[in-house]
C-alpha cells in the first residue's frame, strides 16, 4: 500500500534538528538512495556527471502516483512520519521531508515515477514532474516509464557559484560518493548497485545473502575465507533486566516495527586481514552506518591483542534495535545518534567478537580432509627427514568428557616432529602445536588460578622506584608504603 505524502505539523517540524541537508554531491546521492531503499528498491542505478554537477538515480521501488509527485518537493513533506509519537519509532532511513525541497531550491529537479502496485486503475500511469525553487510542480506530463522512480538533479548550486568554490574538489566528492554506496550496500546486501561516472561503469556490487558476501566486493584485498560471520538475537531476558524495555513498550509492538533485536557481525580474521587506519571499523544501526565513538572504540579494544602491532581490524557490526531506543535527531545527515543503554551494546559487541574468535563448529565448518591429510603425512614421512613418532601416550583419564565439561577444544594427537611439534587432528583440519609454548601456557594458567594476595612479614623493601611503577603496584592491590630518606626513596611492600 502506497503511503500518502503530506506536510508535517509545525510542532513536529520544530522538534526536527535544523541544519544543511544538501551540502555536496555525496549528500545528494545519500538522500536519494535512502528514499529508494525506503520504497523497497532491490535495484538502484546511479549516474553521475560531476563536471556538470548532475546526478540521476533510478530504482525499481514502489513508485509514486501523481498526487504524491506533486506534494513530494514541498517543505517538510513526507510519508514516513505524521506526528510527534512517530519520532520515537522511526524505522525508515528518511523522515524529515527536507531533501527533495532542498534539491528543488539548489538545483533543477525533475522526477519520473510510476506506481508498482496502484490502488486505483487510473493510477497505473507514469508521470514526469518538474519543480520550481519553492518545490511546486510547474510541469506535469504523462511518460512511458517502468514501475519505480527516476530522480534527475542537474546544475547543483548553479545559482550559488560561491558555494561550489568553497566545496571539496570533485575528486574528493567522488570518493565521498563511493563511501556512501559502500556503507549502504553493507546494510542492504540484497540490493544490486550500479554507479556510472559519465558513460563508464564505476562501481558494481552484486547482491548477496549477508554483508559477508558484500565486503570482498568493496575491499579487493579481502577474500571471503578471510571473514567470520555471526548473526544472533539479543537475549530478551537480559535486555529486560537492563531496562532496555520502557514501561510503555507495548505501544511499539506493531507488525510494521521490529519484533526482536539482533546483531550481525562481519569480522576480518586478524591474522589474515587488517588495516593501517581504523577506517573499516563500522557500526550500523537499523540500516544506516552511524558514528558512535564508544562502540567503535570497544571494537578496537576487543581486538587489540589479536591484531598485529600498529594495525586495526576490519569489522562491520549491524544492530537491529527497537526504534524507541534510538534518537536519530542528533545530526541533519543522520550520521550520529543518541543511543540509550550504551554499556549494554558495548557488552554485546565484546561477546560477539569473542565468539567469532573462538574455534568451534559454528564458526568453522568441518572439512572432509582427514584421509587426505593422513596420506600426505605418510608420504612426507617416507620422502622427508622428519623424526616422526606415532607412539604418543594418551592419559587414561576421560579426556573427551573433561574437554566438554570445561569447554575445551577437543584435539587428537597423531604425531610428534623433532621432539618439538605435536601434530593434532581437529574437525576443522590439522593443528601444529609447539609443545614448549603450550607448556608455558599451562604454567601461566596455573599461576593465574593460584594467584592470591598474602601478607609479607617482614615487608619487601625496594629502592628508587618511579612513580609509574608505584602506580602499577597499587593497581595490583599491593599495599605500598613510601619512606623518604636522605639518600632517596624506599618503598615497602606489605602484601603480595
Protein backbone atom coordinates (compact mmCIF):
# COMPACT_ATOMS: atom_id res chain seq x y z
CA UNK A 1 0.00 0.00 0.00
CA UNK A 2 1.38 3.38 -1.04
CA UNK A 3 1.56 5.94 1.78
CA UNK A 4 0.36 9.46 1.27
CA UNK A 5 2.93 12.26 1.27
CA UNK A 6 1.80 15.13 3.48
CA UNK A 7 3.26 18.17 5.22
CA UNK A 8 4.35 17.66 8.81
CA UNK A 9 2.66 19.64 11.60
CA UNK A 10 4.58 22.69 12.90
CA UNK A 11 5.14 21.13 16.34
CA UNK A 12 6.90 18.17 14.69
CA UNK A 13 8.96 20.41 12.38
CA UNK A 14 10.19 22.38 15.39
CA UNK A 15 11.48 19.18 17.02
CA UNK A 16 13.50 18.13 13.98
CA UNK A 17 17.20 19.09 14.04
CA UNK A 18 17.80 22.09 11.84
CA UNK A 19 20.79 22.25 9.53
CA UNK A 20 22.04 21.86 6.00
CA UNK A 21 20.79 18.68 4.32
CA UNK A 22 22.37 19.03 0.85
CA UNK A 23 25.97 20.19 1.02
CA UNK A 24 27.70 18.06 -1.65
CA UNK A 25 27.19 15.56 -4.45
CA UNK A 26 27.62 12.77 -1.89
CA UNK A 27 24.75 14.23 0.17
CA UNK A 28 22.52 14.22 -2.93
CA UNK A 29 23.31 10.56 -3.57
CA UNK A 30 22.79 9.62 0.09
CA UNK A 31 19.38 11.29 0.41
CA UNK A 32 18.02 9.95 -2.88
CA UNK A 33 19.34 6.43 -2.31
CA UNK A 34 17.73 6.36 1.13
CA UNK A 35 14.40 7.30 -0.48
CA UNK A 36 14.84 4.43 -2.94
CA UNK A 37 15.53 1.93 -0.17
CA UNK A 38 12.54 3.18 1.84
CA UNK A 39 10.48 2.50 -1.29
CA UNK A 40 11.61 -1.15 -1.26
CA UNK A 41 14.01 -0.97 -4.21
CA UNK A 42 16.17 -4.01 -4.95
CA UNK A 43 18.00 -2.47 -7.93
CA UNK A 44 19.46 1.03 -7.86
CA UNK A 45 21.34 2.66 -10.74
CA UNK A 46 23.23 5.90 -10.13
CA UNK A 47 24.58 8.10 -12.91
CA UNK A 48 26.94 10.98 -12.10
CA UNK A 49 28.44 13.67 -14.31
CA UNK A 50 30.45 15.58 -11.73
CA UNK A 51 31.70 18.27 -14.13
CA UNK A 52 28.08 19.25 -14.83
CA UNK A 53 27.02 18.80 -11.18
CA UNK A 54 24.44 16.29 -12.31
CA UNK A 55 23.06 13.19 -10.54
CA UNK A 56 20.41 10.72 -11.70
CA UNK A 57 19.12 7.83 -9.60
CA UNK A 58 16.80 5.12 -10.93
CA UNK A 59 15.17 2.41 -8.83
CA UNK A 60 12.55 -0.33 -9.05
CA UNK A 61 10.76 0.65 -5.84
CA UNK A 62 7.07 1.18 -5.24
CA UNK A 63 6.96 4.42 -7.23
CA UNK A 64 4.60 7.38 -6.71
CA UNK A 65 1.23 8.36 -8.11
CA UNK A 66 0.58 11.86 -9.44
CA UNK A 67 -0.80 13.23 -6.16
CA UNK A 68 2.33 12.21 -4.24
CA UNK A 69 4.59 13.51 -7.01
CA UNK A 70 3.05 16.97 -6.77
CA UNK A 71 3.48 17.01 -2.99
CA UNK A 72 6.95 15.39 -2.81
CA UNK A 73 9.11 18.55 -3.01
CA UNK A 74 7.09 20.73 -0.65
CA UNK A 75 8.93 21.66 2.57
CA UNK A 76 8.71 19.10 5.39
CA UNK A 77 6.58 16.75 3.31
CA UNK A 78 6.99 13.04 3.91
CA UNK A 79 5.09 9.76 4.12
CA UNK A 80 7.42 8.34 6.79
CA UNK A 81 6.02 10.10 9.88
CA UNK A 82 2.88 12.08 10.63
CA UNK A 83 3.01 13.18 14.28
CA UNK A 84 5.18 13.62 17.37
CA UNK A 85 4.80 9.99 18.50
CA UNK A 86 6.29 8.76 15.23
CA UNK A 87 9.62 10.39 16.11
CA UNK A 88 10.14 7.72 18.80
CA UNK A 89 9.52 4.76 16.47
CA UNK A 90 11.33 5.61 13.25
CA UNK A 91 12.19 2.59 11.11
CA UNK A 92 12.75 4.35 7.77
CA UNK A 93 16.01 5.91 6.56
CA UNK A 94 14.41 9.26 5.77
CA UNK A 95 11.76 11.03 7.80
CA UNK A 96 12.32 14.80 7.80
CA UNK A 97 10.88 15.57 4.37
CA UNK A 98 13.59 18.16 3.61
CA UNK A 99 15.79 16.53 0.95
CA UNK A 100 13.64 16.98 -2.19
CA UNK A 101 12.64 20.51 -1.19
CA UNK A 102 16.31 21.42 -0.70
CA UNK A 103 17.19 19.91 -4.08
CA UNK A 104 14.43 21.93 -5.75
CA UNK A 105 15.86 25.08 -4.19
CA UNK A 106 19.51 24.31 -5.00
CA UNK A 107 19.22 22.72 -8.47
CA UNK A 108 16.96 21.81 -11.36
CA UNK A 109 14.81 18.94 -10.04
CA UNK A 110 12.81 16.52 -12.16
CA UNK A 111 11.12 13.25 -11.12
CA UNK A 112 9.66 10.47 -13.25
CA UNK A 113 7.66 7.78 -11.48
CA UNK A 114 5.09 5.06 -11.92
CA UNK A 115 3.44 3.07 -9.09
CA UNK A 116 4.34 -0.61 -8.97
CA UNK A 117 1.07 -1.69 -7.35
CA UNK A 118 -1.50 1.07 -7.92
CA UNK A 119 -4.58 1.16 -5.69
CA UNK A 120 -6.76 2.53 -8.48
CA UNK A 121 -6.87 1.50 -12.12
CA UNK A 122 -6.30 5.04 -13.40
CA UNK A 123 -3.08 5.32 -11.35
CA UNK A 124 -1.25 2.77 -13.46
CA UNK A 125 0.49 5.53 -15.43
CA UNK A 126 3.91 7.11 -15.47
CA UNK A 127 4.32 10.84 -14.83
CA UNK A 128 7.08 13.38 -15.23
CA UNK A 129 7.07 16.39 -12.90
CA UNK A 130 9.42 19.40 -12.94
CA UNK A 131 9.65 21.59 -9.82
CA UNK A 132 10.47 25.26 -9.26
CA UNK A 133 12.66 26.68 -6.47
CA UNK A 134 9.82 26.52 -3.95
CA UNK A 135 9.19 22.83 -4.68
CA UNK A 136 5.95 23.44 -6.58
CA UNK A 137 5.14 21.33 -9.65
CA UNK A 138 5.37 23.59 -12.71
CA UNK A 139 5.44 20.95 -15.48
CA UNK A 140 3.38 17.74 -15.45
CA UNK A 141 3.13 15.25 -18.29
CA UNK A 142 2.47 11.55 -18.89
CA UNK A 143 5.50 9.49 -19.84
CA UNK A 144 6.28 5.87 -20.63
CA UNK A 145 8.39 4.63 -17.73
CA UNK A 146 8.86 1.30 -15.92
CA UNK A 147 7.43 0.92 -12.40
CA UNK A 148 9.72 2.72 -10.00
CA UNK A 149 11.21 6.20 -9.78
CA UNK A 150 13.85 8.24 -11.61
CA UNK A 151 15.11 11.42 -9.93
CA UNK A 152 17.18 13.86 -12.00
CA UNK A 153 19.21 16.60 -10.32
CA UNK A 154 21.17 18.97 -12.58
CA UNK A 155 23.11 22.20 -12.21
CA UNK A 156 23.52 21.70 -8.46
CA UNK A 157 24.44 25.02 -6.74
CA UNK A 158 24.35 26.65 -10.18
CA UNK A 159 22.72 29.78 -8.76
CA UNK A 160 25.26 29.93 -5.92
CA UNK A 161 28.71 29.70 -7.58
CA UNK A 162 30.36 30.75 -4.32
CA UNK A 163 29.06 27.56 -2.73
CA UNK A 164 30.78 25.47 -5.38
CA UNK A 165 34.09 27.27 -4.85
CA UNK A 166 34.11 26.55 -1.13
CA UNK A 167 33.45 22.83 -1.53
CA UNK A 168 35.99 19.97 -1.74
CA UNK A 169 37.36 19.06 -5.14
CA UNK A 170 35.24 16.91 -7.42
CA UNK A 171 37.67 14.03 -6.92
CA UNK A 172 37.14 14.20 -3.16
CA UNK A 173 33.39 14.35 -3.65
CA UNK A 174 33.52 11.23 -5.81
CA UNK A 175 35.37 9.44 -3.02
CA UNK A 176 32.62 10.59 -0.68
CA UNK A 177 30.01 9.07 -3.02
CA UNK A 178 31.96 5.82 -3.12
CA UNK A 179 31.99 5.65 0.68
CA UNK A 180 28.23 6.33 0.86
CA UNK A 181 27.46 3.49 -1.56
CA UNK A 182 29.80 1.05 0.19
CA UNK A 183 28.31 1.69 3.61
CA UNK A 184 24.71 1.43 2.46
CA UNK A 185 25.45 -1.71 0.42
CA UNK A 186 26.71 -3.46 3.57
CA UNK A 187 23.44 -2.67 5.34
CA UNK A 188 21.32 -3.82 2.37
CA UNK A 189 23.13 -6.84 0.90
CA UNK A 190 20.12 -7.94 -1.19
CA UNK A 191 20.28 -4.82 -3.41
CA UNK A 192 22.01 -4.66 -6.80
CA UNK A 193 24.10 -1.49 -7.29
CA UNK A 194 25.46 0.20 -10.39
CA UNK A 195 27.22 3.55 -10.35
CA UNK A 196 28.10 5.19 -13.66
CA UNK A 197 30.59 8.03 -13.98
CA UNK A 198 29.57 9.53 -17.29
CA UNK A 199 29.46 6.62 -19.75
CA UNK A 200 31.83 4.47 -17.69
CA UNK A 201 30.68 1.87 -15.17
CA UNK A 202 32.48 2.87 -11.99
CA UNK A 203 31.05 0.70 -9.18
CA UNK A 204 29.09 -2.53 -9.42
CA UNK A 205 28.00 -4.56 -6.39
CA UNK A 206 26.12 -7.81 -6.81
CA UNK A 207 23.58 -8.88 -4.18
CA UNK A 208 24.42 -11.43 -1.51
CA UNK A 209 22.75 -13.27 1.33
CA UNK A 210 24.62 -11.29 4.01
CA UNK A 211 27.12 -8.46 4.36
CA UNK A 212 29.87 -11.10 4.31
CA UNK A 213 29.36 -11.51 0.54
CA UNK A 214 29.43 -7.74 0.01
CA UNK A 215 32.64 -6.81 1.83
CA UNK A 216 35.04 -8.65 -0.55
CA UNK A 217 33.44 -6.76 -3.45
CA UNK A 218 34.33 -3.49 -1.71
CA UNK A 219 37.82 -4.35 -0.41
CA UNK A 220 39.72 -6.12 -3.16
CA UNK A 221 42.40 -7.41 -0.76
CA UNK A 222 39.86 -9.28 1.36
CA UNK A 223 38.75 -12.78 0.44
CA UNK A 224 35.55 -14.46 1.55
CA UNK A 225 37.56 -17.03 3.52
CA UNK A 226 39.21 -14.20 5.49
CA UNK A 227 35.91 -13.21 7.08
CA UNK A 228 33.99 -14.55 10.03
CA UNK A 229 30.22 -14.06 10.15
CA UNK A 230 27.89 -14.22 13.13
CA UNK A 231 24.23 -13.33 13.41
CA UNK A 232 22.44 -13.67 16.72
CA UNK A 233 19.42 -12.34 18.54
CA UNK A 234 19.78 -10.18 21.62
CA UNK A 235 18.73 -12.01 24.76
CA UNK A 236 15.30 -10.61 25.60
CA UNK A 237 15.54 -11.55 29.27
CA UNK A 238 18.90 -9.82 29.62
CA UNK A 239 17.59 -6.79 27.76
CA UNK A 240 14.66 -6.51 30.13
CA UNK A 241 16.92 -6.81 33.18
CA UNK A 242 18.98 -3.89 31.89
CA UNK A 243 15.85 -1.77 31.43
CA UNK A 244 16.06 -1.79 27.65
CA UNK A 245 12.28 -2.03 27.55
CA UNK A 246 10.41 1.02 28.64
CA UNK A 247 7.26 0.84 30.73
CA UNK A 248 5.08 1.73 27.77
CA UNK A 249 6.79 -0.68 25.38
CA UNK A 250 3.52 -2.33 24.35
CA UNK A 251 2.58 0.63 22.18
CA UNK A 252 5.58 -0.09 19.95
CA UNK A 253 4.86 -3.76 19.33
CA UNK A 254 3.27 -3.37 15.96
CA UNK A 255 3.74 -5.53 12.89
CA UNK A 256 5.39 -2.69 11.00
CA UNK A 257 8.19 -2.38 13.58
CA UNK A 258 10.91 -4.74 14.79
CA UNK A 259 9.66 -7.73 16.80
CA UNK A 260 13.14 -8.57 18.14
CA UNK A 261 16.61 -7.12 18.49
CA UNK A 262 19.61 -8.69 16.78
CA UNK A 263 23.27 -8.27 15.95
CA UNK A 264 25.11 -9.07 12.73
CA UNK A 265 28.92 -9.24 12.75
CA UNK A 266 31.35 -9.48 9.84
CA UNK A 267 34.89 -9.72 11.18
CA UNK A 268 38.13 -9.99 9.26
CA UNK A 269 40.29 -12.64 10.91
CA UNK A 270 43.12 -10.57 12.45
CA UNK A 271 45.90 -12.86 11.19
CA UNK A 272 44.65 -12.58 7.60
CA UNK A 273 43.39 -9.05 7.03
CA UNK A 274 43.83 -5.75 8.84
CA UNK A 275 44.28 -2.04 8.10
CA UNK A 276 46.82 0.68 8.83
CA UNK A 277 43.99 3.00 9.90
CA UNK A 278 40.69 2.37 11.69
CA UNK A 279 38.78 3.27 8.51
CA UNK A 280 36.96 -0.06 8.31
CA UNK A 281 35.63 -0.25 11.84
CA UNK A 282 31.96 0.31 11.03
CA UNK A 283 28.84 0.34 13.18
CA UNK A 284 25.37 0.35 11.64
CA UNK A 285 22.03 0.72 13.39
CA UNK A 286 18.75 -0.20 11.69
CA UNK A 287 20.08 0.06 8.15
CA UNK A 288 22.40 3.04 8.46
CA UNK A 289 26.13 3.30 9.24
CA UNK A 290 26.49 5.77 12.10
CA UNK A 291 29.23 7.29 14.21
CA UNK A 292 29.16 6.02 17.78
CA UNK A 293 32.75 6.51 19.03
CA UNK A 294 32.14 4.48 22.19
CA UNK A 295 31.08 1.41 20.17
CA UNK A 296 33.89 1.81 17.64
CA UNK A 297 36.46 2.04 20.44
CA UNK A 298 35.03 -1.10 22.03
CA UNK A 299 35.59 -2.98 18.75
CA UNK A 300 39.20 -1.79 18.55
CA UNK A 301 39.96 -2.60 22.19
CA UNK A 302 38.34 -6.05 21.92
CA UNK A 303 40.67 -6.91 19.03
CA UNK A 304 43.78 -5.06 20.26
CA UNK A 305 45.52 -8.23 21.45
CA UNK A 306 44.83 -10.22 18.29
CA UNK A 307 45.70 -7.65 15.60
CA UNK A 308 49.36 -7.11 14.64
CA UNK A 309 51.08 -4.12 16.20
CA UNK A 310 50.01 -0.74 14.77
CA UNK A 311 47.23 -2.38 12.77
CA UNK A 312 43.45 -2.04 13.04
CA UNK A 313 40.72 -4.62 12.43
CA UNK A 314 38.25 -4.92 9.59
CA UNK A 315 34.91 -5.16 11.33
CA UNK A 316 31.30 -4.39 10.46
CA UNK A 317 28.58 -4.66 13.12
CA UNK A 318 24.92 -4.11 12.30
CA UNK A 319 22.44 -3.73 15.15
CA UNK A 320 18.69 -4.07 14.77
CA UNK A 321 17.36 -2.14 17.77
CA UNK A 322 13.89 -1.17 18.86
CA UNK A 323 13.22 2.33 17.45
CA UNK A 324 12.41 3.91 20.80
CA UNK A 325 15.96 3.12 21.98
CA UNK A 326 17.46 5.48 19.35
CA UNK A 327 17.30 9.22 18.87
CA UNK A 328 18.14 9.96 15.22
CA UNK A 329 17.58 13.66 15.73
CA UNK A 330 21.20 14.44 16.60
CA UNK A 331 22.57 15.46 13.18
CA UNK A 332 20.84 16.54 9.94
CA UNK A 333 22.70 13.90 7.93
CA UNK A 334 21.61 11.23 10.47
CA UNK A 335 25.21 10.00 10.75
CA UNK A 336 25.30 10.45 14.53
CA UNK A 337 22.74 9.16 17.00
CA UNK A 338 21.97 9.12 20.69
CA UNK A 339 21.78 5.53 21.93
CA UNK A 340 20.22 4.51 25.25
CA UNK A 341 21.98 1.96 27.49
CA UNK A 342 25.29 2.33 25.70
CA UNK A 343 27.13 -0.01 28.08
CA UNK A 344 24.77 -2.86 27.16
CA UNK A 345 25.54 -2.57 23.46
CA UNK A 346 29.27 -2.39 24.23
CA UNK A 347 28.90 -5.65 26.11
CA UNK A 348 27.09 -7.25 23.14
CA UNK A 349 29.96 -6.23 20.85
CA UNK A 350 32.52 -7.74 23.19
CA UNK A 351 30.62 -11.03 23.43
CA UNK A 352 30.07 -11.29 19.67
CA UNK A 353 33.75 -10.66 18.86
CA UNK A 354 34.84 -13.20 21.48
CA UNK A 355 32.50 -15.76 19.92
CA UNK A 356 33.80 -15.02 16.41
CA UNK A 357 37.39 -15.59 17.53
CA UNK A 358 36.62 -18.95 19.15
CA UNK A 359 37.33 -22.17 17.27
CA UNK A 360 34.06 -24.04 17.07
CA UNK A 361 31.90 -25.85 14.57
CA UNK A 362 29.56 -22.85 14.46
CA UNK A 363 32.17 -20.53 13.01
CA UNK A 364 34.49 -23.07 11.33
CA UNK A 365 32.68 -25.72 9.26
CA UNK A 366 34.07 -29.23 9.13
CA UNK A 367 36.08 -30.08 6.04
CA UNK A 368 36.38 -33.68 4.77
CA UNK A 369 40.18 -33.65 4.76
CA UNK A 370 41.08 -36.30 7.36
CA UNK A 371 42.00 -39.08 4.90
CA UNK A 372 43.85 -36.73 2.55
CA UNK A 373 45.89 -35.20 5.35
CA UNK A 374 46.81 -38.64 6.69
CA UNK A 375 48.03 -39.74 3.25
CA UNK A 376 50.06 -36.53 2.85
CA UNK A 377 51.72 -37.11 6.24
CA UNK A 378 52.65 -40.70 5.36
CA UNK A 379 54.18 -39.66 2.02
CA UNK A 380 56.11 -36.87 3.75
CA UNK A 381 57.47 -39.33 6.32
CA UNK A 382 58.90 -41.55 3.58
CA UNK A 383 60.46 -38.76 1.50
CA UNK A 384 61.50 -36.26 4.17
CA UNK A 385 63.93 -36.23 7.07
CA UNK A 386 61.28 -35.86 9.74
CA UNK A 387 61.81 -37.51 13.08
CA UNK A 388 58.25 -38.68 13.45
CA UNK A 389 56.88 -40.80 16.27
CA UNK A 390 53.45 -42.38 16.24
CA UNK A 391 53.59 -43.86 19.72
CA UNK A 392 52.11 -40.94 21.63
CA UNK A 393 50.87 -41.97 25.04
CA UNK A 394 47.40 -40.79 25.94
CA UNK A 395 46.48 -40.45 29.60
CA UNK A 396 43.88 -43.00 30.74
CA UNK A 397 41.51 -40.38 32.18
CA UNK A 398 38.33 -39.37 30.38
CA UNK A 399 39.83 -36.63 28.22
CA UNK A 400 36.79 -36.16 25.97
CA UNK A 401 34.43 -35.82 28.92
CA UNK A 402 36.73 -33.27 30.59
CA UNK A 403 37.02 -31.27 27.38
CA UNK A 404 33.25 -30.96 27.15
CA UNK A 405 32.94 -30.18 30.86
CA UNK A 406 35.41 -27.29 30.75
CA UNK A 407 34.55 -26.05 27.23
CA UNK A 408 37.99 -27.02 25.86
CA UNK A 409 38.85 -27.75 22.24
CA UNK A 410 38.96 -31.49 21.60
CA UNK A 411 42.20 -32.47 19.83
CA UNK A 412 43.67 -35.86 18.95
CA UNK A 413 47.46 -36.04 18.84
CA UNK A 414 48.64 -38.14 15.87
CA UNK A 415 52.40 -37.41 15.56
CA UNK A 416 55.39 -35.66 17.06
CA UNK A 417 58.08 -33.91 14.97
CA UNK A 418 61.66 -33.27 16.16
CA UNK A 419 60.53 -33.66 19.77
CA UNK A 420 59.23 -30.11 19.41
CA UNK A 421 55.96 -30.05 17.47
CA UNK A 422 52.79 -32.06 18.02
CA UNK A 423 50.50 -32.74 15.05
CA UNK A 424 46.89 -32.96 16.19
CA UNK A 425 43.59 -33.68 14.47
CA UNK A 426 40.60 -31.37 14.78
CA UNK A 427 37.24 -31.45 12.92
CA UNK A 428 38.27 -28.26 11.10
CA UNK A 429 41.68 -29.56 9.97
CA UNK A 430 45.21 -30.19 11.24
CA UNK A 431 46.81 -28.30 14.13
CA UNK A 432 50.58 -27.87 14.61
CA UNK A 433 51.38 -27.23 18.27
CA UNK A 434 54.75 -26.05 19.60
CA UNK A 435 54.87 -28.12 22.77
CA UNK A 436 57.22 -25.82 24.71
CA UNK A 437 54.94 -22.81 24.16
CA UNK A 438 51.94 -24.96 25.07
CA UNK A 439 53.71 -25.96 28.31
CA UNK A 440 54.41 -22.32 29.11
CA UNK A 441 50.72 -21.55 28.61
CA UNK A 442 49.80 -24.37 31.02
CA UNK A 443 52.15 -22.90 33.63
CA UNK A 444 50.68 -19.45 33.04
CA UNK A 445 47.12 -20.73 33.54
CA UNK A 446 48.22 -22.48 36.73
CA UNK A 447 49.75 -19.25 38.03
CA UNK A 448 46.55 -17.36 37.23
CA UNK A 449 44.47 -19.94 39.09
CA UNK A 450 46.78 -19.92 42.11
CA UNK A 451 47.23 -16.13 42.26
CA UNK A 452 46.40 -14.61 45.62
CA UNK A 453 47.48 -11.69 47.77
CA UNK A 454 49.22 -12.69 51.02
CA UNK A 455 50.72 -10.68 53.82
CA UNK A 456 54.53 -10.38 53.90
CA UNK A 457 56.44 -10.41 57.19
CA UNK A 458 58.81 -8.66 57.09
CA UNK A 459 57.84 -6.40 54.13
CA UNK A 460 59.89 -6.23 50.92
CA UNK A 461 61.96 -3.05 50.56
CA UNK A 462 62.52 -1.61 47.07
CA UNK A 463 64.70 1.39 46.22
CA UNK A 464 64.27 4.22 43.67
CA UNK A 465 61.01 3.10 42.03
CA UNK A 466 59.46 5.52 39.54
CA UNK A 467 56.01 6.96 40.08
CA UNK A 468 54.68 4.82 37.23
CA UNK A 469 56.00 1.64 38.83
CA UNK A 470 54.43 2.58 42.17
CA UNK A 471 51.07 3.21 40.48
CA UNK A 472 51.27 -0.18 38.78
CA UNK A 473 51.83 -1.91 42.12
CA UNK A 474 48.87 -0.08 43.61
CA UNK A 475 46.66 -1.13 40.69
CA UNK A 476 47.52 -4.74 41.59
CA UNK A 477 46.10 -4.09 45.10
CA UNK A 478 49.55 -4.38 46.65
CA UNK A 479 49.88 -2.32 49.80
CA UNK A 480 52.65 0.22 49.22
CA UNK A 481 54.27 2.49 51.82
CA UNK A 482 56.69 5.20 50.68
CA UNK A 483 59.53 6.25 53.02
CA UNK A 484 61.54 9.39 52.31
CA UNK A 485 65.19 9.06 53.44
CA UNK A 486 68.31 11.17 52.99
CA UNK A 487 69.71 9.24 50.03
CA UNK A 488 66.50 8.67 48.15
CA UNK A 489 63.20 6.85 48.46
CA UNK A 490 62.33 3.45 49.90
CA UNK A 491 59.17 1.52 49.08
CA UNK A 492 57.79 -1.09 51.48
CA UNK A 493 55.60 -3.86 50.08
CA UNK A 494 53.45 -5.35 52.84
CA UNK A 495 51.24 -7.60 50.69
CA UNK A 496 51.97 -9.71 47.64
